[in-house]
Amino acid sequence: MDDFKKVLGFDPGKLAEDSETFFARLRDMHEIGLAVTARTESADRRVAVEYSSAEGVRVLEIDPRAMRVGAGELAATILELIRRARAEVEAEGQERLTEALGDENSLVSDRYSFGRELRNATTAVTENLEAAKATLAELQALLRR
């Protein structure tokens, strides 16, 4: 197991253990319906968006006076409100996930290094497979002579 840890840059045993905890807590969170929702409004309060982690945009409210600004500006306002609401939902969701799993859970603390190390390992495996493929092609060419 230590060899895997050296090659991958993380402990696969801890990852498996943390994954089990993660999915158990995720089921618990789903059962009690902890969808995160955020609401954002334009500065003039004429446009509002409600965004849910479960559904995406749930509510879009547009005061008729907001349509006086022109389609382009209104569209830009709506998109900005959606982005802000989604960012709030993602931040709150990450915070809840960290609370549920704990700071020591490797799925929370090591998520970036997992991705980087897995990409590196995948690259190494791909390079080795390409080398093996080339060697097999050379052997086949020698056998045909």
C-alpha atoms as a PDB file:
ATOM      1  CA  MET A   1       0.000   0.000   0.000  1.00  0.00           C
ATOM      2  CA  ASP A   2       2.932   2.324   0.677  1.00  0.00           C
ATOM      3  CA  ASP A   3       4.034   1.936  -2.964  1.00  0.00           C
ATOM      4  CA  PHE A   4       0.620   3.098  -4.155  1.00  0.00           C
ATOM      5  CA  LYS A   5       0.790   6.016  -1.742  1.00  0.00           C
ATOM      6  CA  LYS A   6       4.198   7.037  -3.136  1.00  0.00           C
ATOM      7  CA  VAL A   7       3.114   6.719  -6.776  1.00  0.00           C
ATOM      8  CA  LEU A   8      -0.283   8.372  -6.402  1.00  0.00           C
ATOM      9  CA  GLY A   9       0.673  10.988  -3.836  1.00  0.00           C
ATOM     10  CA  PHE A  10      -2.219  10.089  -1.521  1.00  0.00           C
ATOM     11  CA  ASP A  11      -3.379   7.147   0.586  1.00  0.00           C
ATOM     12  CA  PRO A  12      -5.901   5.076  -1.425  1.00  0.00           C
ATOM     13  CA  GLY A  13      -7.021   3.291   1.764  1.00  0.00           C
ATOM     14  CA  LYS A  14      -7.921   6.597   3.394  1.00  0.00           C
ATOM     15  CA  LEU A  15      -9.658   7.664   0.202  1.00  0.00           C
ATOM     16  CA  ALA A  16     -11.781   4.490   0.228  1.00  0.00           C
ATOM     17  CA  GLU A  17     -12.652   4.978   3.896  1.00  0.00           C
ATOM     18  CA  ASP A  18     -13.485   8.640   3.373  1.00  0.00           C
ATOM     19  CA  SER A  19     -15.557   7.771   0.299  1.00  0.00           C
ATOM     20  CA  GLU A  20     -17.710   5.413   2.352  1.00  0.00           C
ATOM     21  CA  THR A  21     -18.243   8.144   4.937  1.00  0.00           C
ATOM     22  CA  PHE A  22     -18.978  10.645   2.179  1.00  0.00           C
ATOM     23  CA  PHE A  23     -21.665   8.523   0.503  1.00  0.00           C
ATOM     24  CA  ALA A  24     -23.285   7.597   3.828  1.00  0.00           C
ATOM     25  CA  ARG A  25     -23.491  11.259   4.830  1.00  0.00           C
ATOM     26  CA  LEU A  26     -24.617  12.256   1.345  1.00  0.00           C
ATOM     27  CA  ARG A  27     -27.527   9.803   1.667  1.00  0.00           C
ATOM     28  CA  ASP A  28     -28.350  11.292   5.063  1.00  0.00           C
ATOM     29  CA  MET A  29     -28.242  14.822   3.666  1.00  0.00           C
ATOM     30  CA  HIS A  30     -30.446  13.815   0.739  1.00  0.00           C
ATOM     31  CA  GLU A  31     -32.978  12.153   3.018  1.00  0.00           C
ATOM     32  CA  ILE A  32     -33.427  15.266   5.130  1.00  0.00           C
ATOM     33  CA  GLY A  33     -33.566  17.446   2.024  1.00  0.00           C
ATOM     34  CA  LEU A  34     -30.691  19.834   2.529  1.00  0.00           C
ATOM     35  CA  ALA A  35     -30.853  21.491  -0.869  1.00  0.00           C
ATOM     36  CA  VAL A  36     -29.171  24.879  -0.750  1.00  0.00           C
ATOM     37  CA  THR A  37     -31.055  27.871  -2.130  1.00  0.00           C
ATOM     38  CA  ALA A  38     -29.940  31.470  -2.655  1.00  0.00           C
ATOM     39  CA  ARG A  39     -31.796  34.570  -3.784  1.00  0.00           C
ATOM     40  CA  THR A  40     -30.162  37.585  -5.392  1.00  0.00           C
ATOM     41  CA  GLU A  41     -31.682  40.887  -6.482  1.00  0.00           C
ATOM     42  CA  SER A  42     -30.582  43.719  -8.703  1.00  0.00           C
ATOM     43  CA  ALA A  43     -29.577  46.975  -7.016  1.00  0.00           C
ATOM     44  CA  ASP A  44     -32.929  48.553  -7.924  1.00  0.00           C
ATOM     45  CA  ARG A  45     -34.778  45.387  -6.744  1.00  0.00           C
ATOM     46  CA  ARG A  46     -36.573  45.091 -10.070  1.00  0.00           C
ATOM     47  CA  VAL A  47     -35.029  41.746 -11.021  1.00  0.00           C
ATOM     48  CA  ALA A  48     -34.605  38.787  -8.674  1.00  0.00           C
ATOM     49  CA  VAL A  49     -33.342  35.239  -9.112  1.00  0.00           C
ATOM     50  CA  GLU A  50     -33.717  32.277  -6.808  1.00  0.00           C
ATOM     51  CA  TYR A  51     -31.255  29.460  -7.447  1.00  0.00           C
ATOM     52  CA  SER A  52     -31.322  25.966  -5.935  1.00  0.00           C
ATOM     53  CA  SER A  53     -28.587  23.351  -5.809  1.00  0.00           C
ATOM     54  CA  ALA A  54     -31.236  20.758  -6.668  1.00  0.00           C
ATOM     55  CA  GLU A  55     -33.040  22.579  -9.494  1.00  0.00           C
ATOM     56  CA  GLY A  56     -30.907  25.434 -10.775  1.00  0.00           C
ATOM     57  CA  VAL A  57     -32.912  28.607 -11.421  1.00  0.00           C
ATOM     58  CA  ARG A  58     -36.174  28.166  -9.525  1.00  0.00           C
ATOM     59  CA  VAL A  59     -37.616  31.658  -9.679  1.00  0.00           C
ATOM     60  CA  LEU A  60     -37.062  34.608 -11.991  1.00  0.00           C
ATOM     61  CA  GLU A  61     -38.946  37.769 -11.088  1.00  0.00           C
ATOM     62  CA  ILE A  62     -38.935  40.749 -13.441  1.00  0.00           C
ATOM     63  CA  ASP A  63     -40.732  43.948 -12.536  1.00  0.00           C
ATOM     64  CA  PRO A  64     -42.248  45.470 -15.717  1.00  0.00           C
ATOM     65  CA  ARG A  65     -40.207  48.638 -15.100  1.00  0.00           C
ATOM     66  CA  ALA A  66     -37.003  46.580 -15.487  1.00  0.00           C
ATOM     67  CA  MET A  67     -37.848  46.034 -19.158  1.00  0.00           C
ATOM     68  CA  ARG A  68     -37.319  49.715 -19.911  1.00  0.00           C
ATOM     69  CA  VAL A  69     -33.529  49.287 -19.844  1.00  0.00           C
ATOM     70  CA  GLY A  70     -33.383  47.291 -23.056  1.00  0.00           C
ATOM     71  CA  ALA A  71     -33.027  43.618 -23.800  1.00  0.00           C
ATOM     72  CA  GLY A  72     -29.228  43.485 -23.682  1.00  0.00           C
ATOM     73  CA  GLU A  73     -28.897  45.185 -20.314  1.00  0.00           C
ATOM     74  CA  LEU A  74     -31.768  43.151 -18.841  1.00  0.00           C
ATOM     75  CA  ALA A  75     -30.207  39.909 -20.089  1.00  0.00           C
ATOM     76  CA  ALA A  76     -26.834  40.902 -18.618  1.00  0.00           C
ATOM     77  CA  THR A  77     -28.489  41.687 -15.271  1.00  0.00           C
ATOM     78  CA  ILE A  78     -30.284  38.332 -15.215  1.00  0.00           C
ATOM     79  CA  LEU A  79     -27.094  36.414 -16.072  1.00  0.00           C
ATOM     80  CA  GLU A  80     -25.127  38.265 -13.388  1.00  0.00           C
ATOM     81  CA  LEU A  81     -27.800  37.513 -10.782  1.00  0.00           C
ATOM     82  CA  ILE A  82     -27.767  33.836 -11.766  1.00  0.00           C
ATOM     83  CA  ARG A  83     -23.959  33.742 -11.448  1.00  0.00           C
ATOM     84  CA  ARG A  84     -24.059  35.394  -8.024  1.00  0.00           C
ATOM     85  CA  ALA A  85     -26.821  33.120  -6.739  1.00  0.00           C
ATOM     86  CA  ARG A  86     -25.053  30.015  -8.061  1.00  0.00           C
ATOM     87  CA  ALA A  87     -21.780  31.109  -6.428  1.00  0.00           C
ATOM     88  CA  GLU A  88     -23.600  31.573  -3.101  1.00  0.00           C
ATOM     89  CA  VAL A  89     -25.191  28.124  -3.420  1.00  0.00           C
ATOM     90  CA  GLU A  90     -21.855  26.495  -4.263  1.00  0.00           C
ATOM     91  CA  ALA A  91     -20.098  28.201  -1.342  1.00  0.00           C
ATOM     92  CA  GLU A  92     -22.861  27.222   1.075  1.00  0.00           C
ATOM     93  CA  GLY A  93     -22.900  23.681  -0.305  1.00  0.00           C
ATOM     94  CA  GLN A  94     -19.129  23.373   0.136  1.00  0.00           C
ATOM     95  CA  GLU A  95     -19.428  24.703   3.684  1.00  0.00           C
ATOM     96  CA  ARG A  96     -22.175  22.190   4.507  1.00  0.00           C
ATOM     97  CA  LEU A  97     -20.182  19.379   2.947  1.00  0.00           C
ATOM     98  CA  THR A  98     -17.127  20.319   4.998  1.00  0.00           C
ATOM     99  CA  GLU A  99     -19.283  20.424   8.146  1.00  0.00           C
ATOM    100  CA  ALA A 100     -20.829  17.039   7.357  1.00  0.00           C
ATOM    101  CA  LEU A 101     -17.597  15.290   6.436  1.00  0.00           C
ATOM    102  CA  GLY A 102     -15.188  17.129   8.703  1.00  0.00           C
ATOM    103  CA  ASP A 103     -12.017  18.974   7.795  1.00  0.00           C
ATOM    104  CA  GLU A 104      -9.931  15.814   8.045  1.00  0.00           C
ATOM    105  CA  ASN A 105     -11.861  13.961   5.339  1.00  0.00           C
ATOM    106  CA  SER A 106      -9.495  13.570   2.407  1.00  0.00           C
ATOM    107  CA  LEU A 107     -12.329  14.129  -0.085  1.00  0.00           C
ATOM    108  CA  VAL A 108     -12.523  17.684   1.248  1.00  0.00           C
ATOM    109  CA  SER A 109      -8.909  18.426   2.136  1.00  0.00           C
ATOM    110  CA  ASP A 110      -7.140  16.702  -0.767  1.00  0.00           C
ATOM    111  CA  ARG A 111      -9.588  17.096  -3.667  1.00  0.00           C
ATOM    112  CA  TYR A 112      -7.215  19.206  -5.769  1.00  0.00           C
ATOM    113  CA  SER A 113      -4.206  16.990  -5.198  1.00  0.00           C
ATOM    114  CA  PHE A 114      -6.306  13.902  -6.050  1.00  0.00           C
ATOM    115  CA  GLY A 115      -7.173  15.337  -9.422  1.00  0.00           C
ATOM    116  CA  ARG A 116      -3.617  16.416 -10.168  1.00  0.00           C
ATOM    117  CA  GLU A 117      -2.089  13.112  -9.071  1.00  0.00           C
ATOM    118  CA  LEU A 118      -4.658  11.048 -10.966  1.00  0.00           C
ATOM    119  CA  ARG A 119      -3.984  13.071 -14.123  1.00  0.00           C
ATOM    120  CA  ASN A 120      -0.250  12.490 -13.668  1.00  0.00           C
ATOM    121  CA  ALA A 121      -0.789   8.766 -13.080  1.00  0.00           C
ATOM    122  CA  THR A 122      -3.054   8.561 -16.123  1.00  0.00           C
ATOM    123  CA  THR A 123      -0.411  10.271 -18.228  1.00  0.00           C
ATOM    124  CA  ALA A 124       2.252   7.811 -17.045  1.00  0.00           C
ATOM    125  CA  VAL A 125      -0.008   4.820 -17.757  1.00  0.00           C
ATOM    126  CA  THR A 126      -0.851   6.172 -21.208  1.00  0.00           C
ATOM    127  CA  GLU A 127       2.837   6.682 -22.002  1.00  0.00           C
ATOM    128  CA  ASN A 128       3.620   3.134 -20.854  1.00  0.00           C
ATOM    129  CA  LEU A 129       0.794   1.731 -22.963  1.00  0.00           C
ATOM    130  CA  GLU A 130       2.047   3.641 -25.999  1.00  0.00           C
ATOM    131  CA  ALA A 131       5.565   2.269 -25.432  1.00  0.00           C
ATOM    132  CA  ALA A 132       4.163  -1.259 -25.076  1.00  0.00           C
ATOM    133  CA  LYS A 133       2.138  -0.776 -28.261  1.00  0.00           C
ATOM    134  CA  ALA A 134       5.252   0.330 -30.155  1.00  0.00           C
ATOM    135  CA  THR A 135       7.215  -2.655 -28.817  1.00  0.00           C
ATOM    136  CA  LEU A 136       4.460  -5.048 -29.907  1.00  0.00           C
ATOM    137  CA  ALA A 137       4.411  -3.481 -33.366  1.00  0.00           C
ATOM    138  CA  GLU A 138       8.183  -3.982 -33.644  1.00  0.00           C
ATOM    139  CA  LEU A 139       7.853  -7.600 -32.522  1.00  0.00           C
ATOM    140  CA  GLN A 140       5.085  -8.236 -35.050  1.00  0.00           C
ATOM    141  CA  ALA A 141       7.213  -6.723 -37.799  1.00  0.00           C
ATOM    142  CA  LEU A 142      10.139  -8.987 -36.822  1.00  0.00           C
ATOM    143  CA  LEU A 143       7.899 -12.063 -36.813  1.00  0.00           C
ATOM    144  CA  ARG A 144       6.593 -11.305 -40.311  1.00  0.00           C
ATOM    145  CA  ARG A 145      10.120 -11.396 -41.817  1.00  0.00           C
END
